[in-house]
PDB file of N, CA and C in Angstrom:
ATOM      1  N   MET A   1       0.698  -0.977   0.071  1.00  0.00           N
ATOM      2  CA  MET A   1       0.170   0.023  -0.338  1.00  0.00           C
ATOM      3  C   MET A   1       0.872   1.297   0.068  1.00  0.00           C
ATOM      4  N   PHE A   2       0.436   2.145  -0.449  1.00  0.00           N
ATOM      5  CA  PHE A   2       1.264   3.496  -0.421  1.00  0.00           C
ATOM      6  C   PHE A   2       0.987   4.128   0.953  1.00  0.00           C
ATOM      7  N   GLY A   3       2.387   4.596   1.081  1.00  0.00           N
ATOM      8  CA  GLY A   3       2.625   5.912   2.240  1.00  0.00           C
ATOM      9  C   GLY A   3       2.168   6.928   2.598  1.00  0.00           C
ATOM     10  N   LEU A   4       2.392   8.035   3.081  1.00  0.00           N
ATOM     11  CA  LEU A   4       1.930   9.130   3.006  1.00  0.00           C
ATOM     12  C   LEU A   4       2.930  10.234   1.839  1.00  0.00           C
ATOM     13  N   SER A   5       3.952   9.596   2.154  1.00  0.00           N
ATOM     14  CA  SER A   5       5.502  10.139   0.950  1.00  0.00           C
ATOM     15  C   SER A   5       4.837  10.154  -0.060  1.00  0.00           C
ATOM     16  N   GLU A   6       4.610   8.758  -0.489  1.00  0.00           N
ATOM     17  CA  GLU A   6       4.155   8.048  -1.802  1.00  0.00           C
ATOM     18  C   GLU A   6       3.465   9.117  -2.714  1.00  0.00           C
ATOM     19  N   LEU A   7       2.192   9.177  -1.757  1.00  0.00           N
ATOM     20  CA  LEU A   7       0.743  10.147  -1.916  1.00  0.00           C
ATOM     21  C   LEU A   7       1.285  11.502  -2.317  1.00  0.00           C
ATOM     22  N   ALA A   8       2.001  12.160  -1.461  1.00  0.00           N
ATOM     23  CA  ALA A   8       2.589  13.567  -1.281  1.00  0.00           C
ATOM     24  C   ALA A   8       3.634  13.525  -3.131  1.00  0.00           C
ATOM     25  N   ILE A   9       4.676  12.688  -3.316  1.00  0.00           N
ATOM     26  CA  ILE A   9       4.760  12.654  -4.545  1.00  0.00           C
ATOM     27  C   ILE A   9       3.993  12.633  -5.734  1.00  0.00           C
ATOM     28  N   ILE A  10       2.800  11.557  -6.003  1.00  0.00           N
ATOM     29  CA  ILE A  10       2.167  11.467  -7.108  1.00  0.00           C
ATOM     30  C   ILE A  10       1.539  13.136  -7.116  1.00  0.00           C
ATOM     31  N   LEU A  11       0.850  13.576  -5.892  1.00  0.00           N
ATOM     32  CA  LEU A  11      -0.127  14.438  -5.922  1.00  0.00           C
ATOM     33  C   LEU A  11       0.710  16.007  -6.491  1.00  0.00           C
ATOM     34  N   ILE A  12       2.245  15.877  -5.757  1.00  0.00           N
ATOM     35  CA  ILE A  12       3.084  17.345  -6.553  1.00  0.00           C
ATOM     36  C   ILE A  12       2.954  16.955  -8.333  1.00  0.00           C
ATOM     37  N   VAL A  13       3.254  14.933  -8.343  1.00  0.00           N
ATOM     38  CA  VAL A  13       3.589  15.051  -9.916  1.00  0.00           C
ATOM     39  C   VAL A  13       1.934  15.384 -10.729  1.00  0.00           C
ATOM     40  N   VAL A  14       1.391  15.002 -10.161  1.00  0.00           N
ATOM     41  CA  VAL A  14      -0.459  15.580 -11.081  1.00  0.00           C
ATOM     42  C   VAL A  14      -0.388  16.801 -10.994  1.00  0.00           C
ATOM     43  N   ILE A  15      -0.283  17.690  -9.818  1.00  0.00           N
ATOM     44  CA  ILE A  15      -0.373  19.497  -9.766  1.00  0.00           C
ATOM     45  C   ILE A  15       0.620  19.822 -10.911  1.00  0.00           C
ATOM     46  N   ALA A  16       1.621  19.167 -11.382  1.00  0.00           N
ATOM     47  CA  ALA A  16       2.349  19.853 -11.794  1.00  0.00           C
ATOM     48  C   ALA A  16       2.438  19.564 -13.875  1.00  0.00           C
ATOM     49  N   ILE A  17       1.549  18.497 -13.675  1.00  0.00           N
ATOM     50  CA  ILE A  17       1.279  18.819 -14.755  1.00  0.00           C
ATOM     51  C   ILE A  17       0.019  18.996 -15.345  1.00  0.00           C
ATOM     52  N   MET A  18      -0.952  19.531 -14.337  1.00  0.00           N
ATOM     53  CA  MET A  18      -2.125  20.378 -14.673  1.00  0.00           C
ATOM     54  C   MET A  18      -1.568  21.658 -14.912  1.00  0.00           C
ATOM     55  N   LEU A  19      -0.797  21.944 -14.135  1.00  0.00           N
ATOM     56  CA  LEU A  19       0.017  23.357 -14.318  1.00  0.00           C
ATOM     57  C   LEU A  19       0.773  23.845 -15.298  1.00  0.00           C
ATOM     58  N   ALA A  20       1.304  22.525 -16.028  1.00  0.00           N
ATOM     59  CA  ALA A  20       2.282  22.662 -16.534  1.00  0.00           C
ATOM     60  C   ALA A  20       1.333  23.082 -17.942  1.00  0.00           C
ATOM     61  N   LYS A  21      -0.226  22.433 -18.114  1.00  0.00           N
ATOM     62  CA  LYS A  21      -1.060  22.914 -19.262  1.00  0.00           C
ATOM     63  C   LYS A  21      -1.665  24.292 -19.222  1.00  0.00           C
ATOM     64  N   LYS A  22      -2.086  24.771 -17.897  1.00  0.00           N
ATOM     65  CA  LYS A  22      -2.918  26.054 -17.814  1.00  0.00           C
ATOM     66  C   LYS A  22      -2.086  27.038 -16.810  1.00  0.00           C
ATOM     67  N   GLY A  23      -0.971  26.985 -16.726  1.00  0.00           N
ATOM     68  CA  GLY A  23      -0.059  27.638 -15.997  1.00  0.00           C
ATOM     69  C   GLY A  23       0.247  28.945 -16.696  1.00  0.00           C
ATOM     70  N   PRO A  24       0.539  28.586 -17.848  1.00  0.00           N
ATOM     71  CA  PRO A  24       0.852  30.241 -18.887  1.00  0.00           C
ATOM     72  C   PRO A  24      -0.697  31.086 -18.946  1.00  0.00           C
ATOM     73  N   GLU A  25      -1.506  30.278 -19.379  1.00  0.00           N
ATOM     74  CA  GLU A  25      -2.688  30.747 -19.504  1.00  0.00           C
ATOM     75  C   GLU A  25      -2.724  31.722 -17.812  1.00  0.00           C
ATOM     76  N   LEU A  26      -2.889  30.987 -16.880  1.00  0.00           N
ATOM     77  CA  LEU A  26      -3.502  31.809 -15.912  1.00  0.00           C
ATOM     78  C   LEU A  26      -2.584  32.935 -15.508  1.00  0.00           C
ATOM     79  N   ALA A  27      -1.006  32.759 -15.757  1.00  0.00           N
ATOM     80  CA  ALA A  27      -0.511  33.948 -15.338  1.00  0.00           C
ATOM     81  C   ALA A  27      -0.913  34.824 -16.274  1.00  0.00           C
ATOM     82  N   ARG A  28      -1.060  35.112 -17.354  1.00  0.00           N
ATOM     83  CA  ARG A  28      -1.177  35.564 -18.653  1.00  0.00           C
ATOM     84  C   ARG A  28      -2.401  36.597 -18.076  1.00  0.00           C
ATOM     85  N   ASN A  29      -3.620  35.578 -17.338  1.00  0.00           N
ATOM     86  CA  ASN A  29      -5.056  36.572 -17.263  1.00  0.00           C
ATOM     87  C   ASN A  29      -4.350  37.411 -15.705  1.00  0.00           C
ATOM     88  N   ALA A  30      -3.596  36.573 -14.976  1.00  0.00           N
ATOM     89  CA  ALA A  30      -3.175  37.165 -13.927  1.00  0.00           C
ATOM     90  C   ALA A  30      -2.575  38.659 -14.257  1.00  0.00           C
ATOM     91  N   GLY A  31      -1.826  38.981 -14.863  1.00  0.00           N
ATOM     92  CA  GLY A  31      -0.798  40.274 -15.236  1.00  0.00           C
ATOM     93  C   GLY A  31      -1.787  41.107 -15.783  1.00  0.00           C
ATOM     94  N   LYS A  32      -2.604  40.928 -16.944  1.00  0.00           N
ATOM     95  CA  LYS A  32      -3.695  41.254 -17.298  1.00  0.00           C
ATOM     96  C   LYS A  32      -4.475  42.156 -16.654  1.00  0.00           C
ATOM     97  N   SER A  33      -5.133  41.181 -15.294  1.00  0.00           N
ATOM     98  CA  SER A  33      -5.965  41.466 -14.371  1.00  0.00           C
ATOM     99  C   SER A  33      -5.207  43.003 -13.267  1.00  0.00           C
ATOM    100  N   ALA A  34      -4.271  42.861 -13.053  1.00  0.00           N
ATOM    101  CA  ALA A  34      -3.452  43.492 -12.232  1.00  0.00           C
ATOM    102  C   ALA A  34      -2.786  44.618 -13.073  1.00  0.00           C
ATOM    103  N   ARG A  35      -2.388  44.701 -14.124  1.00  0.00           N
ATOM    104  CA  ARG A  35      -2.603  46.082 -15.121  1.00  0.00           C
ATOM    105  C   ARG A  35      -3.768  46.896 -14.888  1.00  0.00           C
ATOM    106  N   ILE A  36      -5.043  46.219 -15.577  1.00  0.00           N
ATOM    107  CA  ILE A  36      -6.222  47.242 -15.648  1.00  0.00           C
ATOM    108  C   ILE A  36      -6.033  47.449 -13.963  1.00  0.00           C
ATOM    109  N   LEU A  37      -6.080  46.834 -12.900  1.00  0.00           N
ATOM    110  CA  LEU A  37      -6.632  47.383 -12.041  1.00  0.00           C
ATOM    111  C   LEU A  37      -5.816  48.614 -11.576  1.00  0.00           C
ATOM    112  N   LYS A  38      -4.063  48.496 -12.007  1.00  0.00           N
ATOM    113  CA  LYS A  38      -3.375  49.338 -11.486  1.00  0.00           C
ATOM    114  C   LYS A  38      -3.355  50.823 -12.537  1.00  0.00           C
ATOM    115  N   ALA A  39      -3.902  50.503 -13.530  1.00  0.00           N
ATOM    116  CA  ALA A  39      -5.027  51.664 -14.365  1.00  0.00           C
ATOM    117  C   ALA A  39      -5.635  52.131 -14.041  1.00  0.00           C
ATOM    118  N   GLU A  40      -7.020  51.536 -13.448  1.00  0.00           N
ATOM    119  CA  GLU A  40      -7.807  52.016 -12.908  1.00  0.00           C
ATOM    120  C   GLU A  40      -7.919  52.933 -11.288  1.00  0.00           C
ATOM    121  N   ALA A  41      -6.754  52.243 -10.658  1.00  0.00           N
ATOM    122  CA  ALA A  41      -6.306  52.934  -9.524  1.00  0.00           C
ATOM    123  C   ALA A  41      -5.770  54.311  -9.651  1.00  0.00           C
ATOM    124  N   ARG A  42      -5.109  54.298 -10.726  1.00  0.00           N
ATOM    125  CA  ARG A  42      -4.263  55.653 -10.881  1.00  0.00           C
ATOM    126  C   ARG A  42      -5.203  56.495 -11.458  1.00  0.00           C
ATOM    127  N   ALA A  43      -6.137  56.295 -12.690  1.00  0.00           N
ATOM    128  CA  ALA A  43      -7.145  56.882 -13.299  1.00  0.00           C
ATOM    129  C   ALA A  43      -7.993  57.606 -11.993  1.00  0.00           C
ATOM    130  N   MET A  44      -8.538  56.856 -11.253  1.00  0.00           N
ATOM    131  CA  MET A  44      -9.160  57.372  -9.647  1.00  0.00           C
ATOM    132  C   MET A  44      -8.785  58.462  -8.962  1.00  0.00           C
ATOM    133  N   LYS A  45      -7.099  58.341  -8.796  1.00  0.00           N
ATOM    134  CA  LYS A  45      -6.528  58.992  -8.116  1.00  0.00           C
ATOM    135  C   LYS A  45      -6.364  60.594  -9.032  1.00  0.00           C
ATOM    136  N   GLU A  46      -6.118  60.302 -10.300  1.00  0.00           N
ATOM    137  CA  GLU A  46      -5.970  61.795 -10.719  1.00  0.00           C
ATOM    138  C   GLU A  46      -7.515  62.218 -10.966  1.00  0.00           C
ATOM    139  N   ALA A  47      -8.437  61.489 -10.757  1.00  0.00           N
ATOM    140  CA  ALA A  47      -9.534  62.031 -10.979  1.00  0.00           C
ATOM    141  C   ALA A  47      -9.709  63.061  -9.863  1.00  0.00           C
ATOM    142  N   GLU A  48      -9.618  62.522  -8.740  1.00  0.00           N
ATOM    143  CA  GLU A  48      -9.787  62.825  -7.362  1.00  0.00           C
ATOM    144  C   GLU A  48      -9.176  64.318  -7.262  1.00  0.00           C
ATOM    145  N   GLU A  49      -7.554  64.481  -7.808  1.00  0.00           N
ATOM    146  CA  GLU A  49      -6.916  65.262  -7.661  1.00  0.00           C
ATOM    147  C   GLU A  49      -7.064  66.535  -8.703  1.00  0.00           C
ATOM    148  N   GLN A  50      -7.694  66.133  -9.662  1.00  0.00           N
ATOM    149  CA  GLN A  50      -8.351  67.506 -11.076  1.00  0.00           C
ATOM    150  C   GLN A  50      -9.482  67.931 -10.153  1.00  0.00           C
ATOM    151  N   GLN A  51     -10.519  67.205  -9.735  1.00  0.00           N
ATOM    152  CA  GLN A  51     -11.534  67.796  -9.267  1.00  0.00           C
ATOM    153  C   GLN A  51     -11.274  68.417  -7.779  1.00  0.00           C
ATOM    154  N   ALA A  52     -10.718  68.258  -7.116  1.00  0.00           N
ATOM    155  CA  ALA A  52      -9.874  68.824  -5.608  1.00  0.00           C
ATOM    156  C   ALA A  52      -9.248  70.087  -6.401  1.00  0.00           C
ATOM    157  N   THR A  53      -8.629  69.961  -7.335  1.00  0.00           N
ATOM    158  CA  THR A  53      -7.615  71.341  -7.748  1.00  0.00           C
ATOM    159  C   THR A  53      -8.653  72.192  -8.810  1.00  0.00           C
ATOM    160  N   ASP A  54      -9.446  71.964  -9.346  1.00  0.00           N
ATOM    161  CA  ASP A  54     -10.811  72.824 -10.368  1.00  0.00           C
ATOM    162  C   ASP A  54     -11.420  73.593  -9.392  1.00  0.00           C
ATOM    163  N   THR A  55     -11.998  73.146  -9.066  1.00  0.00           N
ATOM    164  CA  THR A  55     -13.254  74.253  -8.364  1.00  0.00           C
ATOM    165  C   THR A  55     -13.558  73.982  -6.553  1.00  0.00           C
ATOM    166  N   PRO A  56     -13.380  75.486  -6.420  1.00  0.00           N
ATOM    167  CA  PRO A  56     -13.263  75.577  -4.832  1.00  0.00           C
ATOM    168  C   PRO A  56     -14.923  75.155  -4.813  1.00  0.00           C
ATOM    169  N   PRO A  57     -15.407  74.376  -3.247  1.00  0.00           N
ATOM    170  CA  PRO A  57     -16.801  74.565  -3.030  1.00  0.00           C
ATOM    171  C   PRO A  57     -17.664  75.527  -3.173  1.00  0.00           C
ATOM    172  N   ARG A  58     -19.152  75.539  -3.806  1.00  0.00           N
ATOM    173  CA  ARG A  58     -19.887  76.243  -4.033  1.00  0.00           C
ATOM    174  C   ARG A  58     -20.512  76.329  -2.393  1.00  0.00           C
ATOM    175  N   VAL A  59     -20.819  77.585  -2.083  1.00  0.00           N
ATOM    176  CA  VAL A  59     -21.612  78.202  -1.013  1.00  0.00           C
ATOM    177  C   VAL A  59     -22.873  79.030  -1.885  1.00  0.00           C
ATOM    178  N   ILE A  60     -23.561  78.219  -1.144  1.00  0.00           N
ATOM    179  CA  ILE A  60     -25.442  78.328  -1.629  1.00  0.00           C
ATOM    180  C   ILE A  60     -26.190  79.111  -0.475  1.00  0.00           C
ATOM    181  N   GLN A  61     -26.623  80.274  -0.695  1.00  0.00           N
ATOM    182  CA  GLN A  61     -27.285  80.829  -0.006  1.00  0.00           C
ATOM    183  C   GLN A  61     -28.845  80.715   0.254  1.00  0.00           C
ATOM    184  N   GLY A  62     -29.109  80.656   1.305  1.00  0.00           N
ATOM    185  CA  GLY A  62     -30.736  80.297   1.996  1.00  0.00           C
ATOM    186  C   GLY A  62     -30.993  80.706   2.976  1.00  0.00           C
ATOM    187  N   GLU A  63     -31.935  80.474   3.246  1.00  0.00           N
ATOM    188  CA  GLU A  63     -32.789  81.067   4.676  1.00  0.00           C
ATOM    189  C   GLU A  63     -32.281  80.275   5.990  1.00  0.00           C
ATOM    190  N   THR A  64     -31.887  80.593   7.116  1.00  0.00           N
ATOM    191  CA  THR A  64     -32.210  79.985   8.323  1.00  0.00           C
ATOM    192  C   THR A  64     -33.039  80.123   9.095  1.00  0.00           C
ATOM    193  N   ILE A  65     -33.395  79.384   9.681  1.00  0.00           N
ATOM    194  CA  ILE A  65     -34.490  79.222  10.834  1.00  0.00           C
ATOM    195  C   ILE A  65     -33.881  79.307  12.237  1.00  0.00           C
ATOM    196  N   PRO A  66     -34.555  80.676  12.996  1.00  0.00           N
ATOM    197  CA  PRO A  66     -33.720  81.028  14.229  1.00  0.00           C
ATOM    198  C   PRO A  66     -34.549  79.932  15.447  1.00  0.00           C
ATOM    199  N   ASN A  67     -33.270  79.621  16.209  1.00  0.00           N
ATOM    200  CA  ASN A  67     -33.520  78.667  17.440  1.00  0.00           C
ATOM    201  C   ASN A  67     -34.708  79.037  17.982  1.00  0.00           C
ATOM    202  N   ARG A  68     -35.683  77.810  18.216  1.00  0.00           N
ATOM    203  CA  ARG A  68     -36.573  77.991  19.418  1.00  0.00           C
ATOM    204  C   ARG A  68     -36.172  77.745  20.630  1.00  0.00           C
ATOM    205  N   THR A  69     -35.590  78.507  21.553  1.00  0.00           N
ATOM    206  CA  THR A  69     -35.079  78.051  22.700  1.00  0.00           C
ATOM    207  C   THR A  69     -35.903  78.392  23.677  1.00  0.00           C
ATOM    208  N   GLU A  70     -37.060  79.614  23.882  1.00  0.00           N
ATOM    209  CA  GLU A  70     -38.065  79.824  24.662  1.00  0.00           C
ATOM    210  C   GLU A  70     -38.442  78.874  25.056  1.00  0.00           C
ATOM    211  N   ASN A  71     -39.454  78.160  24.237  1.00  0.00           N
ATOM    212  CA  ASN A  71     -40.341  77.521  24.776  1.00  0.00           C
ATOM    213  C   ASN A  71     -39.888  75.750  24.041  1.00  0.00           C
ATOM    214  N   PRO A  72     -39.187  75.073  24.555  1.00  0.00           N
ATOM    215  CA  PRO A  72     -39.081  73.485  23.878  1.00  0.00           C
ATOM    216  C   PRO A  72     -39.925  72.848  23.918  1.00  0.00           C
ATOM    217  N   PRO A  73     -40.028  71.722  23.094  1.00  0.00           N
ATOM    218  CA  PRO A  73     -41.134  70.777  23.199  1.00  0.00           C
ATOM    219  C   PRO A  73     -41.299  70.173  24.479  1.00  0.00           C
ATOM    220  N   ALA A  74     -42.737  69.581  24.537  1.00  0.00           N
ATOM    221  CA  ALA A  74     -42.694  68.736  25.284  1.00  0.00           C
ATOM    222  C   ALA A  74     -42.135  67.623  25.017  1.00  0.00           C
ATOM    223  N   GLU A  75     -41.971  66.632  26.423  1.00  0.00           N
ATOM    224  CA  GLU A  75     -41.695  65.036  26.072  1.00  0.00           C
ATOM    225  C   GLU A  75     -42.838  64.573  25.128  1.00  0.00           C
ATOM    226  N   GLY A  76     -42.046  63.845  24.121  1.00  0.00           N
ATOM    227  CA  GLY A  76     -43.195  62.952  23.181  1.00  0.00           C
ATOM    228  C   GLY A  76     -44.305  63.942  21.925  1.00  0.00           C
ATOM    229  N   THR A  77     -44.126  65.112  22.016  1.00  0.00           N
ATOM    230  CA  THR A  77     -44.873  65.920  21.055  1.00  0.00           C
ATOM    231  C   THR A  77     -44.016  66.539  19.929  1.00  0.00           C
ATOM    232  N   ARG A  78     -44.328  66.733  18.588  1.00  0.00           N
ATOM    233  CA  ARG A  78     -43.997  67.211  17.809  1.00  0.00           C
ATOM    234  C   ARG A  78     -43.567  68.880  17.409  1.00  0.00           C
ATOM    235  N   PRO A  79     -42.737  69.335  17.109  1.00  0.00           N
ATOM    236  CA  PRO A  79     -42.279  70.532  17.432  1.00  0.00           C
ATOM    237  C   PRO A  79     -42.957  71.145  15.925  1.00  0.00           C
TER     238      PRO A  79
END
């Protein structure tokens, strides 16, 4: 019967054979994915920097409601 070391060797050989067939394709796809991710991260960072330097924040004028501190609402009632 096979021992643990023989099974490990057989498993390594099977993995090596499978990797020889699919390895280059997997490596190519991983490289493409990494390049796309890097380009998207760079574009997002540039867009944030561009947005920060282009326009200052706008101030919109509007009415304000004065604070009603003289008669606060009672517990459980709506203002």
